[in-house]
């Protein structure tokens, strides 16, 4: 999503005559976002990696009733307990600007973004929150 937003902004800024078409995130049955990096995961890390999306889905539920900071704190605590996955960052951002959100506003759309190390492999994922 972040890469798509950046490319769209560059195309617009430089008036490049192309039509950028985004697509949904494709996932393995486990919920792990498909990526060429997944082949480099050890069996243990591949088994642990679905925790990322499971945590994002719960964060989405929590975002309905909790502040962005409380959701972030909860996610950080979940990853702190995990032996095989190391959280690089978790942020909730305004979809239009990709700026980190401190307070929710009713008329804005938000998305959660996460980057996690599974051993040497950096995995990224995101989820729409509203």
Foldseek 3Di string as FASTA:
>chain_A
DVVLLVVVVVCVVVVPPDDDDDDDFDADPLCATDDPLLVVFDPVLNVVRSVVRVLQVVLLVVVVPDFQVVSQVVSQVVQVPDDQKAWPGKFKAFPVPRDGDRGDDPVTWIKIKTWIDRDPGIGIDMDTND
